[in-house]
């Protein structure tokens, strides 16, 4: 399986886990929330919103248009911190994000 297929599969797993953990939302944030210049849109979106409405669609669009995927990313540590004080409640989601980090970082080496 090539890198794009592996990442796509991980993104699908992240979506499913977010739905199972009641983190997936039917209604997107306000349009103005997408104007953030901060990492993870920390000033305008919750961590779950950024994952659902920014990261997943952006990576999928890159795969579909055959653009190079980002390298040297680290999103899992942000979610470990964001889910404090009980990261274990979302450990399967954090583990899936770690797999995405590992796949993309491996490609950069």
N, C-alpha and C. Protein backbone atom coordinates (compact mmCIF):
# COMPACT_ATOMS: atom_id res chain seq x y z
N UNK A 1 0.85 -1.17 0.00
CA UNK A 1 0.00 0.00 0.00
C UNK A 1 0.90 1.24 0.00
N UNK A 2 0.60 2.20 -0.87
CA UNK A 2 1.44 3.40 -0.93
C UNK A 2 1.11 4.36 0.21
N UNK A 3 1.95 5.38 0.34
CA UNK A 3 1.81 6.33 1.45
C UNK A 3 0.44 7.00 1.45
N UNK A 4 -0.01 7.46 0.31
CA UNK A 4 -1.30 8.15 0.23
C UNK A 4 -2.44 7.26 0.71
N UNK A 5 -2.42 6.00 0.30
CA UNK A 5 -3.46 5.06 0.74
C UNK A 5 -3.40 4.82 2.25
N UNK A 6 -2.20 4.72 2.78
CA UNK A 6 -2.04 4.51 4.22
C UNK A 6 -2.55 5.72 5.01
N UNK A 7 -2.21 6.91 4.55
CA UNK A 7 -2.66 8.12 5.23
C UNK A 7 -4.17 8.25 5.12
N UNK A 8 -4.72 7.98 3.94
CA UNK A 8 -6.18 8.04 3.75
C UNK A 8 -6.88 7.09 4.72
N UNK A 9 -6.35 5.90 4.85
CA UNK A 9 -6.92 4.91 5.76
C UNK A 9 -6.86 5.41 7.21
N UNK A 10 -5.76 6.02 7.59
CA UNK A 10 -5.65 6.57 8.95
C UNK A 10 -6.64 7.71 9.17
N UNK A 11 -6.81 8.56 8.17
CA UNK A 11 -7.79 9.65 8.28
C UNK A 11 -9.20 9.11 8.48
N UNK A 12 -9.52 8.05 7.76
CA UNK A 12 -10.83 7.41 7.91
C UNK A 12 -10.99 6.86 9.32
N UNK A 13 -9.94 6.27 9.84
CA UNK A 13 -9.97 5.76 11.22
C UNK A 13 -10.17 6.90 12.21
N UNK A 14 -9.48 8.02 11.99
CA UNK A 14 -9.64 9.19 12.88
C UNK A 14 -11.09 9.67 12.86
N UNK A 15 -11.69 9.76 11.68
CA UNK A 15 -13.10 10.16 11.58
C UNK A 15 -13.99 9.22 12.38
N UNK A 16 -13.80 7.94 12.19
CA UNK A 16 -14.63 6.95 12.89
C UNK A 16 -14.46 7.05 14.40
N UNK A 17 -13.23 7.21 14.84
CA UNK A 17 -12.98 7.33 16.28
C UNK A 17 -13.60 8.60 16.84
N UNK A 18 -13.50 9.69 16.10
CA UNK A 18 -14.12 10.93 16.56
C UNK A 18 -15.64 10.76 16.68
N UNK A 19 -16.23 10.06 15.75
CA UNK A 19 -17.68 9.82 15.82
C UNK A 19 -18.01 8.95 17.03
N UNK A 20 -17.23 7.89 17.25
CA UNK A 20 -17.47 7.00 18.38
C UNK A 20 -17.29 7.72 19.71
N UNK A 21 -16.38 8.68 19.75
CA UNK A 21 -16.08 9.39 21.00
C UNK A 21 -16.87 10.69 21.12
N UNK A 22 -17.88 10.86 20.28
CA UNK A 22 -18.77 12.03 20.30
C UNK A 22 -18.01 13.34 20.13
N UNK A 23 -16.98 13.32 19.27
CA UNK A 23 -16.20 14.53 18.99
C UNK A 23 -16.52 15.10 17.61
N UNK A 24 -17.25 14.35 16.80
CA UNK A 24 -17.58 14.75 15.43
C UNK A 24 -18.82 15.63 15.45
N UNK A 25 -18.79 16.73 14.72
CA UNK A 25 -19.91 17.67 14.71
C UNK A 25 -20.53 17.78 13.32
N UNK A 26 -21.85 17.95 13.29
CA UNK A 26 -22.57 18.09 12.02
C UNK A 26 -22.49 19.51 11.48
N UNK A 27 -22.29 20.47 12.36
CA UNK A 27 -22.30 21.88 11.96
C UNK A 27 -20.88 22.44 12.06
N UNK A 28 -20.38 23.02 10.96
CA UNK A 28 -19.03 23.57 11.00
C UNK A 28 -18.96 24.85 11.84
N UNK A 29 -17.76 25.23 12.23
CA UNK A 29 -17.60 26.50 12.94
C UNK A 29 -17.94 27.67 12.02
N UNK A 30 -18.08 28.85 12.60
CA UNK A 30 -18.31 30.06 11.81
C UNK A 30 -17.19 30.23 10.79
N UNK A 31 -17.51 30.82 9.65
CA UNK A 31 -16.51 31.05 8.60
C UNK A 31 -15.30 31.81 9.13
N UNK A 32 -15.52 32.76 10.00
CA UNK A 32 -14.42 33.55 10.55
C UNK A 32 -13.41 32.70 11.33
N UNK A 33 -13.84 31.55 11.84
CA UNK A 33 -12.93 30.68 12.58
C UNK A 33 -11.81 30.15 11.69
N UNK A 34 -12.05 30.09 10.40
CA UNK A 34 -11.05 29.57 9.46
C UNK A 34 -9.98 30.60 9.11
N UNK A 35 -10.14 31.83 9.57
CA UNK A 35 -9.19 32.90 9.27
C UNK A 35 -8.01 32.95 10.24
N UNK A 36 -7.95 32.06 11.18
CA UNK A 36 -6.89 32.07 12.18
C UNK A 36 -5.52 31.90 11.54
N UNK A 37 -4.55 32.55 12.13
CA UNK A 37 -3.16 32.38 11.70
C UNK A 37 -2.36 31.61 12.75
N UNK A 38 -3.02 31.19 13.79
CA UNK A 38 -2.38 30.44 14.87
C UNK A 38 -2.30 28.96 14.52
N UNK A 39 -1.28 28.26 15.03
CA UNK A 39 -1.22 26.81 14.84
C UNK A 39 -2.50 26.15 15.38
N UNK A 40 -3.01 25.21 14.64
CA UNK A 40 -4.21 24.46 15.02
C UNK A 40 -5.43 25.37 15.20
N UNK A 41 -5.36 26.60 14.68
CA UNK A 41 -6.45 27.58 14.86
C UNK A 41 -6.87 27.65 16.33
N UNK A 42 -5.88 27.59 17.18
CA UNK A 42 -6.12 27.50 18.62
C UNK A 42 -6.94 28.67 19.16
N UNK A 43 -6.88 29.79 18.48
CA UNK A 43 -7.61 30.97 18.94
C UNK A 43 -9.06 31.03 18.46
N UNK A 44 -9.42 30.16 17.51
CA UNK A 44 -10.77 30.25 16.95
C UNK A 44 -11.54 28.93 16.91
N UNK A 45 -10.85 27.81 17.10
CA UNK A 45 -11.51 26.50 17.02
C UNK A 45 -11.09 25.62 18.19
N UNK A 46 -11.97 24.69 18.53
CA UNK A 46 -11.58 23.66 19.48
C UNK A 46 -10.65 22.68 18.75
N UNK A 47 -9.88 21.90 19.49
CA UNK A 47 -9.01 20.92 18.83
C UNK A 47 -9.78 19.97 17.92
N UNK A 48 -10.97 19.56 18.35
CA UNK A 48 -11.77 18.64 17.54
C UNK A 48 -12.24 19.31 16.25
N UNK A 49 -12.62 20.57 16.35
CA UNK A 49 -13.07 21.28 15.15
C UNK A 49 -11.93 21.39 14.13
N UNK A 50 -10.74 21.76 14.61
CA UNK A 50 -9.62 21.89 13.68
C UNK A 50 -9.32 20.57 12.99
N UNK A 51 -9.34 19.49 13.74
CA UNK A 51 -9.07 18.18 13.17
C UNK A 51 -10.11 17.83 12.10
N UNK A 52 -11.38 18.04 12.44
CA UNK A 52 -12.47 17.68 11.53
C UNK A 52 -12.58 18.61 10.33
N UNK A 53 -12.48 19.90 10.54
CA UNK A 53 -12.81 20.87 9.50
C UNK A 53 -11.60 21.44 8.77
N UNK A 54 -10.40 21.22 9.30
CA UNK A 54 -9.20 21.75 8.64
C UNK A 54 -8.25 20.62 8.24
N UNK A 55 -7.74 19.89 9.22
CA UNK A 55 -6.69 18.91 8.94
C UNK A 55 -7.16 17.79 8.01
N UNK A 56 -8.22 17.11 8.38
CA UNK A 56 -8.68 15.97 7.56
C UNK A 56 -9.01 16.40 6.14
N UNK A 57 -9.83 17.45 5.95
CA UNK A 57 -10.14 17.85 4.56
C UNK A 57 -8.90 18.31 3.78
N UNK A 58 -7.99 19.01 4.44
CA UNK A 58 -6.79 19.51 3.76
C UNK A 58 -5.91 18.36 3.29
N UNK A 59 -5.68 17.38 4.15
CA UNK A 59 -4.84 16.24 3.77
C UNK A 59 -5.53 15.41 2.69
N UNK A 60 -6.82 15.23 2.82
CA UNK A 60 -7.55 14.48 1.77
C UNK A 60 -7.47 15.20 0.42
N UNK A 61 -7.61 16.52 0.44
CA UNK A 61 -7.52 17.29 -0.81
C UNK A 61 -6.13 17.16 -1.43
N UNK A 62 -5.11 17.14 -0.59
CA UNK A 62 -3.74 16.97 -1.09
C UNK A 62 -3.58 15.60 -1.74
N UNK A 63 -4.13 14.59 -1.12
CA UNK A 63 -4.03 13.24 -1.67
C UNK A 63 -4.78 13.16 -3.01
N UNK A 64 -6.00 13.69 -3.02
CA UNK A 64 -6.82 13.62 -4.24
C UNK A 64 -6.20 14.39 -5.41
N UNK A 65 -5.49 15.47 -5.11
CA UNK A 65 -4.88 16.26 -6.19
C UNK A 65 -3.41 15.90 -6.42
N UNK A 66 -2.96 14.84 -5.77
CA UNK A 66 -1.60 14.32 -5.93
C UNK A 66 -0.54 15.35 -5.59
N UNK A 67 -0.82 16.18 -4.58
CA UNK A 67 0.17 17.14 -4.09
C UNK A 67 1.07 16.44 -3.07
N UNK A 68 2.27 16.95 -2.89
CA UNK A 68 3.13 16.36 -1.85
C UNK A 68 2.49 16.54 -0.47
N UNK A 69 2.58 15.52 0.33
CA UNK A 69 2.04 15.58 1.69
C UNK A 69 3.03 16.27 2.61
N UNK A 70 2.55 16.88 3.69
CA UNK A 70 3.47 17.55 4.61
C UNK A 70 4.41 16.54 5.26
N UNK A 71 5.56 17.03 5.61
CA UNK A 71 6.55 16.19 6.29
C UNK A 71 6.94 16.86 7.59
N UNK A 72 7.45 16.06 8.48
CA UNK A 72 7.90 16.56 9.79
C UNK A 72 6.78 17.25 10.55
N UNK A 73 5.66 16.55 10.63
CA UNK A 73 4.55 17.09 11.42
C UNK A 73 4.49 16.38 12.76
N UNK A 74 3.81 17.00 13.69
CA UNK A 74 3.62 16.42 15.02
C UNK A 74 2.29 16.93 15.56
N UNK A 75 1.21 16.25 15.16
CA UNK A 75 -0.10 16.67 15.67
C UNK A 75 -0.50 15.89 16.91
N UNK A 76 -0.02 14.67 17.06
CA UNK A 76 -0.40 13.86 18.21
C UNK A 76 -0.05 14.52 19.55
N UNK A 77 1.14 15.12 19.70
CA UNK A 77 1.44 15.75 20.99
C UNK A 77 0.45 16.86 21.36
N UNK A 78 -0.03 17.60 20.37
CA UNK A 78 -1.03 18.64 20.64
C UNK A 78 -2.29 18.01 21.22
N UNK A 79 -2.72 16.90 20.65
CA UNK A 79 -3.95 16.25 21.13
C UNK A 79 -3.76 15.56 22.47
N UNK A 80 -2.56 15.08 22.75
CA UNK A 80 -2.30 14.54 24.09
C UNK A 80 -2.49 15.64 25.13
N UNK A 81 -2.01 16.83 24.81
CA UNK A 81 -2.18 17.96 25.72
C UNK A 81 -3.62 18.47 25.73
N UNK A 82 -4.24 18.54 24.56
CA UNK A 82 -5.60 19.07 24.46
C UNK A 82 -6.61 18.21 25.22
N UNK A 83 -6.36 16.92 25.29
CA UNK A 83 -7.29 16.02 25.97
C UNK A 83 -6.96 15.84 27.45
N UNK A 84 -6.01 16.61 27.96
CA UNK A 84 -5.74 16.58 29.40
C UNK A 84 -6.94 17.13 30.14
N UNK A 85 -7.26 16.69 31.30
CA UNK A 85 -6.46 15.84 32.17
C UNK A 85 -6.68 14.34 31.96
N UNK A 86 -7.51 13.94 30.99
CA UNK A 86 -7.79 12.52 30.82
C UNK A 86 -7.51 12.08 29.37
N UNK A 87 -6.25 12.09 28.93
CA UNK A 87 -5.96 11.68 27.56
C UNK A 87 -6.32 10.22 27.28
N UNK A 88 -6.36 9.42 28.34
CA UNK A 88 -6.69 8.00 28.15
C UNK A 88 -8.11 7.82 27.60
N UNK A 89 -8.99 8.79 27.83
CA UNK A 89 -10.35 8.71 27.28
C UNK A 89 -10.34 8.74 25.75
N UNK A 90 -9.27 9.27 25.18
CA UNK A 90 -9.17 9.40 23.73
C UNK A 90 -7.89 8.76 23.20
N UNK A 91 -7.38 7.76 23.92
CA UNK A 91 -6.09 7.17 23.56
C UNK A 91 -6.11 6.54 22.17
N UNK A 92 -7.20 5.92 21.78
CA UNK A 92 -7.23 5.30 20.45
C UNK A 92 -7.13 6.37 19.36
N UNK A 93 -7.76 7.52 19.58
CA UNK A 93 -7.66 8.62 18.63
C UNK A 93 -6.23 9.17 18.60
N UNK A 94 -5.64 9.36 19.75
CA UNK A 94 -4.25 9.84 19.82
C UNK A 94 -3.32 8.85 19.12
N UNK A 95 -3.54 7.58 19.30
CA UNK A 95 -2.71 6.56 18.64
C UNK A 95 -2.84 6.64 17.12
N UNK A 96 -4.05 6.88 16.62
CA UNK A 96 -4.24 7.02 15.17
C UNK A 96 -3.51 8.26 14.65
N UNK A 97 -3.54 9.34 15.43
CA UNK A 97 -2.81 10.55 15.03
C UNK A 97 -1.30 10.31 15.05
N UNK A 98 -0.84 9.51 16.00
CA UNK A 98 0.59 9.15 16.05
C UNK A 98 0.99 8.37 14.79
N UNK A 99 0.09 7.51 14.31
CA UNK A 99 0.38 6.76 13.08
C UNK A 99 0.50 7.70 11.89
N UNK A 100 -0.36 8.72 11.83
CA UNK A 100 -0.26 9.71 10.74
C UNK A 100 1.06 10.44 10.84
N UNK A 101 1.40 10.90 12.03
CA UNK A 101 2.70 11.56 12.23
C UNK A 101 3.83 10.66 11.74
N UNK A 102 3.82 9.41 12.16
CA UNK A 102 4.91 8.49 11.81
C UNK A 102 4.99 8.26 10.31
N UNK A 103 3.85 8.09 9.67
CA UNK A 103 3.85 7.88 8.22
C UNK A 103 4.44 9.07 7.49
N UNK A 104 4.01 10.26 7.83
CA UNK A 104 4.48 11.46 7.14
C UNK A 104 5.93 11.78 7.49
N UNK A 105 6.31 11.56 8.73
CA UNK A 105 7.69 11.83 9.13
C UNK A 105 8.67 10.81 8.53
N UNK A 106 8.22 9.57 8.38
CA UNK A 106 9.06 8.54 7.78
C UNK A 106 9.37 8.91 6.33
N UNK A 107 8.39 9.46 5.65
CA UNK A 107 8.56 9.84 4.25
C UNK A 107 9.56 10.99 4.11
N UNK A 108 9.69 11.81 5.14
CA UNK A 108 10.61 12.96 5.09
C UNK A 108 12.06 12.53 5.27
N UNK A 109 12.29 11.37 5.86
CA UNK A 109 13.67 10.93 6.13
C UNK A 109 14.32 10.38 4.89
